Amino acid sequence: MESVISYKPFENSEVEEAKLKGKVIGILGGMGPEATAELFFRIIKETPAESDQDHPRIIVDNNPKIPDRTAAILGEGENPLPEMVKTAKNLERAGADFIVMPCVTAHYYYNDLRKGVKIPVLNMIELTAQTIREGFPNVKKVGFLGTTGTVKTKIFDNPLNRVGVKAVYPSDENQKRVMKAIYTYIKAGKILEGRKIVIEEANHLIDLGADAIICGCTEISLVLKDGDIAKPVIDPLQILARNAVMIALGRAPIPKV
């Protein structure tokens, strides 16, 4: 299991040292394109840079031709794994030292993807669970907003259970509204419409006893922020960006394959 890194500001000497031993980040993108761009942007914002040269090198393969993950998981679409592995190999050949994947649902294929390349792939789900354990010790139930594929497979359940946290999911009818927000609105650029539904569904999960809400889909991360609801918002995309910067700048060891 990968460790999550406690975050504190970089010292100037650490930034200078990082320039010499920095690692190259590879972003396996296209799932979806806007989430890919958002991760790139957040990595930039997490980096303590005073000049262009202070930033880590990032290689992006934005491949929107990867088949839909939820459709595949539900038996209604093509298996995305071959195209995911192909894209990961592109990043490996291009010089990436490790890979990040800004799609929660795609982590259903994480173990097989990791076997397809020789460089590490960060696990956003494991990192999120450890962040909850270390940063939110009073959270015992988390409301989960994500795709139906992620909800059905419950890929967050085991990592959360290991840190003593239970996931609370929407009802089938409420989940249909979450999917509408993700696919009909947010992925189509209709942010305000999608945001309205997401906030309503987050509040519904709080009514069911959730102590915090996980943005269980990177499209949810685009519209749900701290302050939008009465409970903390836990954002795996932000956690992934922060850990990527820590590793790229030599503040944390690169995970072993």
C-alpha atoms as a PDB file:
ATOM      1  CA  MET A   1       0.000   0.000   0.000  1.00  0.00           C
ATOM      2  CA  GLU A   2       1.327   3.415  -0.853  1.00  0.00           C
ATOM      3  CA  SER A   3       1.861   5.876   1.959  1.00  0.00           C
ATOM      4  CA  VAL A   4       0.263   9.269   1.942  1.00  0.00           C
ATOM      5  CA  ILE A   5       2.625  12.102   2.692  1.00  0.00           C
ATOM      6  CA  SER A   6       1.982  14.742   5.327  1.00  0.00           C
ATOM      7  CA  TYR A   7       2.111  18.118   3.646  1.00  0.00           C
ATOM      8  CA  LYS A   8       4.166  21.113   4.713  1.00  0.00           C
ATOM      9  CA  PRO A   9       5.710  23.943   2.717  1.00  0.00           C
ATOM     10  CA  PHE A  10       8.911  23.246   0.827  1.00  0.00           C
ATOM     11  CA  GLU A  11      12.123  24.941   1.907  1.00  0.00           C
ATOM     12  CA  ASN A  12      14.067  26.771  -0.809  1.00  0.00           C
ATOM     13  CA  SER A  13      16.941  24.303  -0.460  1.00  0.00           C
ATOM     14  CA  GLU A  14      14.551  21.413  -1.089  1.00  0.00           C
ATOM     15  CA  VAL A  15      13.256  23.033  -4.255  1.00  0.00           C
ATOM     16  CA  GLU A  16      16.804  23.495  -5.538  1.00  0.00           C
ATOM     17  CA  GLU A  17      17.649  19.879  -4.730  1.00  0.00           C
ATOM     18  CA  ALA A  18      14.465  18.707  -6.432  1.00  0.00           C
ATOM     19  CA  LYS A  19      15.551  20.359  -9.681  1.00  0.00           C
ATOM     20  CA  LEU A  20      18.529  18.010  -9.752  1.00  0.00           C
ATOM     21  CA  LYS A  21      16.783  14.750  -8.887  1.00  0.00           C
ATOM     22  CA  GLY A  22      13.225  15.380 -10.032  1.00  0.00           C
ATOM     23  CA  LYS A  23      11.019  12.605 -11.337  1.00  0.00           C
ATOM     24  CA  VAL A  24       8.906  12.847 -14.471  1.00  0.00           C
ATOM     25  CA  ILE A  25       5.140  12.588 -13.970  1.00  0.00           C
ATOM     26  CA  GLY A  26       3.111  10.732 -16.591  1.00  0.00           C
ATOM     27  CA  ILE A  27      -0.610  11.507 -16.761  1.00  0.00           C
ATOM     28  CA  LEU A  28      -2.755   8.746 -18.258  1.00  0.00           C
ATOM     29  CA  GLY A  29      -5.477  11.059 -19.477  1.00  0.00           C
ATOM     30  CA  GLY A  30      -8.597  11.293 -21.562  1.00  0.00           C
ATOM     31  CA  MET A  31     -10.900   9.821 -18.908  1.00  0.00           C
ATOM     32  CA  GLY A  32     -12.242  12.531 -19.273  1.00  0.00           C
ATOM     33  CA  PRO A  33     -10.289  15.307 -20.957  1.00  0.00           C
ATOM     34  CA  GLU A  34     -11.409  18.049 -18.573  1.00  0.00           C
ATOM     35  CA  ALA A  35     -10.442  16.001 -15.518  1.00  0.00           C
ATOM     36  CA  THR A  36      -7.047  15.463 -17.147  1.00  0.00           C
ATOM     37  CA  ALA A  37      -6.586  19.196 -17.621  1.00  0.00           C
ATOM     38  CA  GLU A  38      -7.732  19.809 -14.049  1.00  0.00           C
ATOM     39  CA  LEU A  39      -5.133  17.404 -12.649  1.00  0.00           C
ATOM     40  CA  PHE A  40      -2.401  19.105 -14.696  1.00  0.00           C
ATOM     41  CA  PHE A  41      -3.527  22.482 -13.345  1.00  0.00           C
ATOM     42  CA  ARG A  42      -3.629  21.247  -9.750  1.00  0.00           C
ATOM     43  CA  ILE A  43      -0.134  19.768  -9.997  1.00  0.00           C
ATOM     44  CA  ILE A  44       1.092  23.184 -11.121  1.00  0.00           C
ATOM     45  CA  LYS A  45      -0.699  24.888  -8.223  1.00  0.00           C
ATOM     46  CA  GLU A  46       0.666  22.381  -5.677  1.00  0.00           C
ATOM     47  CA  THR A  47       4.247  23.025  -6.815  1.00  0.00           C
ATOM     48  CA  PRO A  48       6.213  25.618  -4.793  1.00  0.00           C
ATOM     49  CA  ALA A  49       7.658  27.251  -7.895  1.00  0.00           C
ATOM     50  CA  GLU A  50       9.274  30.651  -8.267  1.00  0.00           C
ATOM     51  CA  SER A  51      10.177  30.095 -11.917  1.00  0.00           C
ATOM     52  CA  ASP A  52       9.264  27.807 -14.807  1.00  0.00           C
ATOM     53  CA  GLN A  53      12.295  25.677 -14.021  1.00  0.00           C
ATOM     54  CA  ASP A  54      10.995  24.865 -10.530  1.00  0.00           C
ATOM     55  CA  HIS A  55       8.099  22.806 -11.919  1.00  0.00           C
ATOM     56  CA  PRO A  56       8.303  19.039 -12.458  1.00  0.00           C
ATOM     57  CA  ARG A  57       8.305  17.706 -15.975  1.00  0.00           C
ATOM     58  CA  ILE A  58       4.902  16.281 -16.904  1.00  0.00           C
ATOM     59  CA  ILE A  59       4.106  14.059 -19.878  1.00  0.00           C
ATOM     60  CA  VAL A  60       0.421  13.830 -20.785  1.00  0.00           C
ATOM     61  CA  ASP A  61      -1.251  11.322 -23.093  1.00  0.00           C
ATOM     62  CA  ASN A  62      -4.822  12.575 -23.340  1.00  0.00           C
ATOM     63  CA  ASN A  63      -6.492   9.583 -24.974  1.00  0.00           C
ATOM     64  CA  PRO A  64     -10.283  10.100 -25.144  1.00  0.00           C
ATOM     65  CA  LYS A  65     -10.570   6.941 -27.268  1.00  0.00           C
ATOM     66  CA  ILE A  66     -10.297   4.794 -24.148  1.00  0.00           C
ATOM     67  CA  PRO A  67     -13.723   3.090 -23.910  1.00  0.00           C
ATOM     68  CA  ASP A  68     -16.105   4.188 -21.173  1.00  0.00           C
ATOM     69  CA  ARG A  69     -15.209   2.504 -17.904  1.00  0.00           C
ATOM     70  CA  THR A  70     -18.682   2.413 -16.374  1.00  0.00           C
ATOM     71  CA  ALA A  71     -20.238   0.905 -19.499  1.00  0.00           C
ATOM     72  CA  ALA A  72     -17.593  -1.824 -19.514  1.00  0.00           C
ATOM     73  CA  ILE A  73     -18.005  -2.625 -15.819  1.00  0.00           C
ATOM     74  CA  LEU A  74     -21.777  -2.941 -16.269  1.00  0.00           C
ATOM     75  CA  GLY A  75     -21.280  -5.268 -19.252  1.00  0.00           C
ATOM     76  CA  GLU A  76     -22.555  -2.711 -21.732  1.00  0.00           C
ATOM     77  CA  GLY A  77     -19.354  -1.622 -23.442  1.00  0.00           C
ATOM     78  CA  GLU A  78     -15.867  -2.468 -24.641  1.00  0.00           C
ATOM     79  CA  ASN A  79     -13.102  -3.359 -22.184  1.00  0.00           C
ATOM     80  CA  PRO A  80     -10.971  -0.216 -21.698  1.00  0.00           C
ATOM     81  CA  LEU A  81      -7.948  -2.053 -20.274  1.00  0.00           C
ATOM     82  CA  PRO A  82      -6.073  -2.705 -23.561  1.00  0.00           C
ATOM     83  CA  GLU A  83      -6.240   0.970 -24.522  1.00  0.00           C
ATOM     84  CA  MET A  84      -5.308   2.010 -20.982  1.00  0.00           C
ATOM     85  CA  VAL A  85      -2.228  -0.230 -21.053  1.00  0.00           C
ATOM     86  CA  LYS A  86      -1.293   1.067 -24.504  1.00  0.00           C
ATOM     87  CA  THR A  87      -1.497   4.639 -23.234  1.00  0.00           C
ATOM     88  CA  ALA A  88       0.507   3.806 -20.109  1.00  0.00           C
ATOM     89  CA  LYS A  89       3.220   2.220 -22.260  1.00  0.00           C
ATOM     90  CA  ASN A  90       3.335   5.399 -24.345  1.00  0.00           C
ATOM     91  CA  LEU A  91       4.074   7.364 -21.177  1.00  0.00           C
ATOM     92  CA  GLU A  92       6.699   4.848 -20.107  1.00  0.00           C
ATOM     93  CA  ARG A  93       8.484   5.039 -23.468  1.00  0.00           C
ATOM     94  CA  ALA A  94       8.306   8.836 -23.393  1.00  0.00           C
ATOM     95  CA  GLY A  95      10.277   8.922 -20.144  1.00  0.00           C
ATOM     96  CA  ALA A  96       7.740   9.045 -17.302  1.00  0.00           C
ATOM     97  CA  ASP A  97       9.072   7.762 -13.973  1.00  0.00           C
ATOM     98  CA  PHE A  98       5.603   7.083 -12.600  1.00  0.00           C
ATOM     99  CA  ILE A  99       1.989   7.348 -13.748  1.00  0.00           C
ATOM    100  CA  VAL A 100      -1.061   9.072 -12.316  1.00  0.00           C
ATOM    101  CA  MET A 101      -4.564   8.388 -13.577  1.00  0.00           C
ATOM    102  CA  PRO A 102      -7.263  11.056 -13.023  1.00  0.00           C
ATOM    103  CA  CYS A 103     -10.220   8.694 -13.249  1.00  0.00           C
ATOM    104  CA  VAL A 104     -11.583   6.979 -10.160  1.00  0.00           C
ATOM    105  CA  THR A 105     -13.658   4.399 -12.047  1.00  0.00           C
ATOM    106  CA  ALA A 106     -10.599   3.348 -14.065  1.00  0.00           C
ATOM    107  CA  HIS A 107      -9.007   2.152 -10.825  1.00  0.00           C
ATOM    108  CA  TYR A 108     -11.230  -0.919 -11.119  1.00  0.00           C
ATOM    109  CA  TYR A 109      -8.556  -2.021 -13.621  1.00  0.00           C
ATOM    110  CA  TYR A 110      -5.639  -0.828 -11.482  1.00  0.00           C
ATOM    111  CA  ASN A 111      -3.985  -4.181 -10.724  1.00  0.00           C
ATOM    112  CA  ASP A 112      -4.000  -5.317 -14.351  1.00  0.00           C
ATOM    113  CA  LEU A 113      -2.823  -1.917 -15.566  1.00  0.00           C
ATOM    114  CA  ARG A 114       0.070  -1.928 -13.128  1.00  0.00           C
ATOM    115  CA  LYS A 115       1.188  -5.314 -14.482  1.00  0.00           C
ATOM    116  CA  GLY A 116       1.268  -3.857 -18.002  1.00  0.00           C
ATOM    117  CA  VAL A 117       4.098  -1.382 -17.364  1.00  0.00           C
ATOM    118  CA  LYS A 118       7.449  -1.412 -15.591  1.00  0.00           C
ATOM    119  CA  ILE A 119       7.001   1.919 -13.816  1.00  0.00           C
ATOM    120  CA  PRO A 120       4.818   2.604 -10.757  1.00  0.00           C
ATOM    121  CA  VAL A 121       1.199   3.716 -11.025  1.00  0.00           C
ATOM    122  CA  LEU A 122      -0.109   5.718  -8.062  1.00  0.00           C
ATOM    123  CA  ASN A 123      -3.311   4.353  -6.548  1.00  0.00           C
ATOM    124  CA  MET A 124      -5.663   7.272  -5.941  1.00  0.00           C
ATOM    125  CA  ILE A 125      -8.088   5.154  -3.905  1.00  0.00           C
ATOM    126  CA  GLU A 126      -5.487   3.887  -1.428  1.00  0.00           C
ATOM    127  CA  LEU A 127      -4.053   7.383  -1.058  1.00  0.00           C
ATOM    128  CA  THR A 128      -7.518   8.768  -0.346  1.00  0.00           C
ATOM    129  CA  ALA A 129      -8.210   6.178   2.355  1.00  0.00           C
ATOM    130  CA  GLN A 130      -4.929   6.959   4.074  1.00  0.00           C
ATOM    131  CA  THR A 131      -5.599  10.681   3.855  1.00  0.00           C
ATOM    132  CA  ILE A 132      -8.908  10.146   5.657  1.00  0.00           C
ATOM    133  CA  ARG A 133      -7.171   8.119   8.370  1.00  0.00           C
ATOM    134  CA  GLU A 134      -4.429  10.693   8.920  1.00  0.00           C
ATOM    135  CA  GLY A 135      -6.271  13.930   8.210  1.00  0.00           C
ATOM    136  CA  PHE A 136      -9.875  13.204   9.246  1.00  0.00           C
ATOM    137  CA  PRO A 137      -9.677  10.965  12.338  1.00  0.00           C
ATOM    138  CA  ASN A 138     -13.248  11.785  13.416  1.00  0.00           C
ATOM    139  CA  VAL A 139     -14.772  10.686  10.113  1.00  0.00           C
ATOM    140  CA  LYS A 140     -16.416   7.270  10.468  1.00  0.00           C
ATOM    141  CA  LYS A 141     -18.869   7.423   7.554  1.00  0.00           C
ATOM    142  CA  VAL A 142     -18.211   8.990   4.165  1.00  0.00           C
ATOM    143  CA  GLY A 143     -20.827   9.701   1.547  1.00  0.00           C
ATOM    144  CA  PHE A 144     -19.728   8.546  -1.882  1.00  0.00           C
ATOM    145  CA  LEU A 145     -20.601  10.371  -5.101  1.00  0.00           C
ATOM    146  CA  GLY A 146     -19.291   8.654  -8.218  1.00  0.00           C
ATOM    147  CA  THR A 147     -20.222   6.693 -11.305  1.00  0.00           C
ATOM    148  CA  THR A 148     -22.504   3.679 -11.142  1.00  0.00           C
ATOM    149  CA  GLY A 149     -19.525   1.549 -12.158  1.00  0.00           C
ATOM    150  CA  THR A 150     -17.601   2.634  -9.080  1.00  0.00           C
ATOM    151  CA  VAL A 151     -20.662   2.297  -6.846  1.00  0.00           C
ATOM    152  CA  LYS A 152     -21.485  -1.216  -8.101  1.00  0.00           C
ATOM    153  CA  THR A 153     -17.914  -2.503  -7.736  1.00  0.00           C
ATOM    154  CA  LYS A 154     -17.455  -0.785  -4.351  1.00  0.00           C
ATOM    155  CA  ILE A 155     -13.738  -0.414  -5.035  1.00  0.00           C
ATOM    156  CA  PHE A 156     -13.448   2.087  -2.185  1.00  0.00           C
ATOM    157  CA  ASP A 157     -14.954  -0.258   0.419  1.00  0.00           C
ATOM    158  CA  ASN A 158     -11.909  -2.374   1.331  1.00  0.00           C
ATOM    159  CA  PRO A 159      -9.436   0.543   1.548  1.00  0.00           C
ATOM    160  CA  LEU A 160     -11.925   2.517   3.645  1.00  0.00           C
ATOM    161  CA  ASN A 161     -12.748  -0.450   5.884  1.00  0.00           C
ATOM    162  CA  ARG A 162      -9.045  -0.938   6.595  1.00  0.00           C
ATOM    163  CA  VAL A 163      -8.928   2.546   8.113  1.00  0.00           C
ATOM    164  CA  GLY A 164     -12.182   2.097  10.042  1.00  0.00           C
ATOM    165  CA  VAL A 165     -14.458   4.069   7.729  1.00  0.00           C
ATOM    166  CA  LYS A 166     -17.753   2.991   6.156  1.00  0.00           C
ATOM    167  CA  ALA A 167     -19.017   4.253   2.795  1.00  0.00           C
ATOM    168  CA  VAL A 168     -22.591   5.510   2.409  1.00  0.00           C
ATOM    169  CA  TYR A 169     -23.999   5.287  -1.122  1.00  0.00           C
ATOM    170  CA  PRO A 170     -26.983   6.927  -2.846  1.00  0.00           C
ATOM    171  CA  SER A 171     -30.137   4.903  -3.464  1.00  0.00           C
ATOM    172  CA  ASP A 172     -30.655   3.587  -6.990  1.00  0.00           C
ATOM    173  CA  GLU A 173     -32.884   6.544  -7.847  1.00  0.00           C
ATOM    174  CA  ASN A 174     -30.478   9.066  -6.391  1.00  0.00           C
ATOM    175  CA  GLN A 175     -27.600   7.377  -8.210  1.00  0.00           C
ATOM    176  CA  LYS A 176     -29.410   7.972 -11.495  1.00  0.00           C
ATOM    177  CA  ARG A 177     -29.362  11.688 -10.683  1.00  0.00           C
ATOM    178  CA  VAL A 178     -25.627  11.536  -9.931  1.00  0.00           C
ATOM    179  CA  MET A 179     -25.009   9.872 -13.298  1.00  0.00           C
ATOM    180  CA  LYS A 180     -27.108  12.526 -15.012  1.00  0.00           C
ATOM    181  CA  ALA A 181     -24.993  15.203 -13.362  1.00  0.00           C
ATOM    182  CA  ILE A 182     -21.767  13.519 -14.501  1.00  0.00           C
ATOM    183  CA  TYR A 183     -22.639  12.426 -18.037  1.00  0.00           C
ATOM    184  CA  THR A 184     -25.426  14.737 -19.197  1.00  0.00           C
ATOM    185  CA  TYR A 185     -24.114  17.911 -17.628  1.00  0.00           C
ATOM    186  CA  ILE A 186     -20.511  18.024 -16.347  1.00  0.00           C
ATOM    187  CA  LYS A 187     -18.877  16.011 -19.145  1.00  0.00           C
ATOM    188  CA  ALA A 188     -20.850  18.143 -21.618  1.00  0.00           C
ATOM    189  CA  GLY A 189     -19.591  21.373 -20.075  1.00  0.00           C
ATOM    190  CA  LYS A 190     -22.903  22.269 -18.397  1.00  0.00           C
ATOM    191  CA  ILE A 191     -21.239  22.870 -15.060  1.00  0.00           C
ATOM    192  CA  LEU A 192     -23.936  24.845 -13.236  1.00  0.00           C
ATOM    193  CA  GLU A 193     -26.639  22.253 -13.919  1.00  0.00           C
ATOM    194  CA  GLY A 194     -24.370  19.427 -12.819  1.00  0.00           C
ATOM    195  CA  ARG A 195     -23.198  21.274  -9.716  1.00  0.00           C
ATOM    196  CA  LYS A 196     -26.762  21.822  -8.525  1.00  0.00           C
ATOM    197  CA  ILE A 197     -27.543  18.101  -8.622  1.00  0.00           C
ATOM    198  CA  VAL A 198     -24.237  17.131  -7.008  1.00  0.00           C
ATOM    199  CA  ILE A 199     -24.757  19.479  -4.060  1.00  0.00           C
ATOM    200  CA  GLU A 200     -28.309  18.188  -3.579  1.00  0.00           C
ATOM    201  CA  GLU A 201     -27.110  14.585  -3.575  1.00  0.00           C
ATOM    202  CA  ALA A 202     -24.216  15.379  -1.227  1.00  0.00           C
ATOM    203  CA  ASN A 203     -26.668  16.885   1.243  1.00  0.00           C
ATOM    204  CA  HIS A 204     -28.868  13.798   0.929  1.00  0.00           C
ATOM    205  CA  LEU A 205     -25.904  11.609   1.957  1.00  0.00           C
ATOM    206  CA  ILE A 206     -25.225  13.920   4.897  1.00  0.00           C
ATOM    207  CA  ASP A 207     -28.849  13.383   5.947  1.00  0.00           C
ATOM    208  CA  LEU A 208     -28.075   9.640   5.902  1.00  0.00           C
ATOM    209  CA  GLY A 209     -25.264  10.148   8.412  1.00  0.00           C
ATOM    210  CA  ALA A 210     -22.186  10.905   6.316  1.00  0.00           C
ATOM    211  CA  ASP A 211     -19.448  12.787   8.198  1.00  0.00           C
ATOM    212  CA  ALA A 212     -17.771  13.830   4.939  1.00  0.00           C
ATOM    213  CA  ILE A 213     -18.261  13.463   1.186  1.00  0.00           C
ATOM    214  CA  ILE A 214     -15.811  11.808  -1.210  1.00  0.00           C
ATOM    215  CA  CYS A 215     -15.648  13.132  -4.763  1.00  0.00           C
ATOM    216  CA  GLY A 216     -15.699   9.589  -6.119  1.00  0.00           C
ATOM    217  CA  CYS A 217     -15.483  10.707  -9.737  1.00  0.00           C
ATOM    218  CA  THR A 218     -13.088  13.311 -11.080  1.00  0.00           C
ATOM    219  CA  GLU A 219     -16.005  15.129 -12.708  1.00  0.00           C
ATOM    220  CA  ILE A 220     -17.474  15.536  -9.218  1.00  0.00           C
ATOM    221  CA  SER A 221     -14.169  17.132  -8.194  1.00  0.00           C
ATOM    222  CA  LEU A 222     -14.766  19.815 -10.805  1.00  0.00           C
ATOM    223  CA  VAL A 223     -17.971  21.050  -9.164  1.00  0.00           C
ATOM    224  CA  LEU A 224     -17.959  20.163  -5.442  1.00  0.00           C
ATOM    225  CA  LYS A 225     -15.670  22.172  -3.167  1.00  0.00           C
ATOM    226  CA  ASP A 226     -15.169  22.741   0.541  1.00  0.00           C
ATOM    227  CA  GLY A 227     -17.760  25.236   1.723  1.00  0.00           C
ATOM    228  CA  ASP A 228     -20.455  24.026  -0.671  1.00  0.00           C
ATOM    229  CA  ILE A 229     -21.854  21.732   2.017  1.00  0.00           C
ATOM    230  CA  ALA A 230     -21.821  21.547   5.821  1.00  0.00           C
ATOM    231  CA  LYS A 231     -19.361  18.623   5.961  1.00  0.00           C
ATOM    232  CA  PRO A 232     -15.783  18.253   4.668  1.00  0.00           C
ATOM    233  CA  VAL A 233     -15.252  17.479   0.983  1.00  0.00           C
ATOM    234  CA  ILE A 234     -12.528  14.879   0.400  1.00  0.00           C
ATOM    235  CA  ASP A 235     -11.139  15.207  -3.096  1.00  0.00           C
ATOM    236  CA  PRO A 236      -9.098  12.274  -4.476  1.00  0.00           C
ATOM    237  CA  LEU A 237      -7.980  14.393  -7.445  1.00  0.00           C
ATOM    238  CA  GLN A 238      -6.370  16.927  -5.107  1.00  0.00           C
ATOM    239  CA  ILE A 239      -4.804  14.138  -3.047  1.00  0.00           C
ATOM    240  CA  LEU A 240      -3.367  12.621  -6.221  1.00  0.00           C
ATOM    241  CA  ALA A 241      -1.952  15.965  -7.360  1.00  0.00           C
ATOM    242  CA  ARG A 242      -0.312  16.588  -3.991  1.00  0.00           C
ATOM    243  CA  ASN A 243       1.290  13.149  -3.824  1.00  0.00           C
ATOM    244  CA  ALA A 244       2.508  13.431  -7.418  1.00  0.00           C
ATOM    245  CA  VAL A 245       4.273  16.695  -6.590  1.00  0.00           C
ATOM    246  CA  MET A 246       5.818  15.238  -3.438  1.00  0.00           C
ATOM    247  CA  ILE A 247       7.274  12.339  -5.405  1.00  0.00           C
ATOM    248  CA  ALA A 248       8.314  14.390  -8.428  1.00  0.00           C
ATOM    249  CA  LEU A 249      10.197  16.893  -6.269  1.00  0.00           C
ATOM    250  CA  GLY A 250      11.941  14.225  -4.225  1.00  0.00           C
ATOM    251  CA  ARG A 251       9.971  14.873  -1.037  1.00  0.00           C
ATOM    252  CA  ALA A 252       8.716  11.284  -0.971  1.00  0.00           C
ATOM    253  CA  PRO A 253      10.133   8.046  -2.370  1.00  0.00           C
ATOM    254  CA  ILE A 254       8.844   6.820  -5.675  1.00  0.00           C
ATOM    255  CA  PRO A 255       6.651   3.752  -4.995  1.00  0.00           C
ATOM    256  CA  LYS A 256       8.036   0.356  -5.913  1.00  0.00           C
ATOM    257  CA  VAL A 257       6.360  -1.545  -8.742  1.00  0.00           C
END
